[in-house]
């Protein structure tokens, strides 16, 4: 790892504040996920400073770039995983596809993850590329805002089961503004800095939970920008069905969509079947709109819970479906 990068990453590792992870748990250790919820509910992201102390688990091909947004008036990290042999003279004219993932803190490195777990995206891509199953590619993890700000940025509709929306001042919904942040700020910034191939065939977006919701919203509101969409454990109950209605009314969809969900997302026998049904309802809508097996893959993962462990385990098949040669 380059010294400057190592120093920057090390500065991001802060001691945990508050409750620690439960031994043996497979879900995020936030207070809202530590027990079975009364209703399906997206856990709020802890403050970015309240991360769990771990050694770094990231490869040396990760650039961590501070980025200041004029839309949100803040600075956050963009975590850019570079394609293998990116700096080889042989590849100096080559451009590469890109996947933009939300909650970037959790994508590559458990030391920066606010759950203490990660998607293992760098290791997964390295492995698939080394076996010639996918081409080298960029993955960009866009850090989420802390706490209630994450909810605001990622949602275009209120979540009826999230206690934040029962408060006197509920979160300000900025999910459509987040799409502008990604498309008008982040993408042009990185396309100037790196050899990123442009156009929908080379551009994908994805995320988990609320991060999946904002990825879906962004793809629907900006048709033709993203040719691939990766959704893990989407919170499809937000807006009381309005996300599904948007899909039904969409005129243009990404060329390929991968959706994953576990049968024990919240470990709640009442609500877990509802969560799975919402995903299969989304699948039915997409099939009705002409997305056959070559364009749409839906994985209902038996026994899987809500968290990075499950998303990491499903990621190889997701990338093979979206990018397989």
Foldseek 3Di string as FASTA:
>chain_A
DDPVQVVVVVVQQAAADDDDADPPDPAFRDPCQPAQDPADDDDFQAAQRRAHADDWDADPQWDWDWDAFPLVRGIFTKIKRFFPCQVPPVCVPPAFFEEEEEQLLAAGTLSRHRRSHHLNVNVLQVVCVVVVFFPTHMYIYTHAHHGQSNVQQLAPFAQPRYCQCVDPDHRHHNLVVNLCCVPVPVVVVVVVVGRHDAWQLRYEYEYEASRRRSRLVSCQVDPRRHQEYEYELYPCPGPNNVSLVSLLPGPHGRQAYEYEYEQCASPDPVHSVVSVVSVVSSVVSVVVVPQDPLRYHYYYHYPDYHHSVVSSVCVNVVCSSSGTD
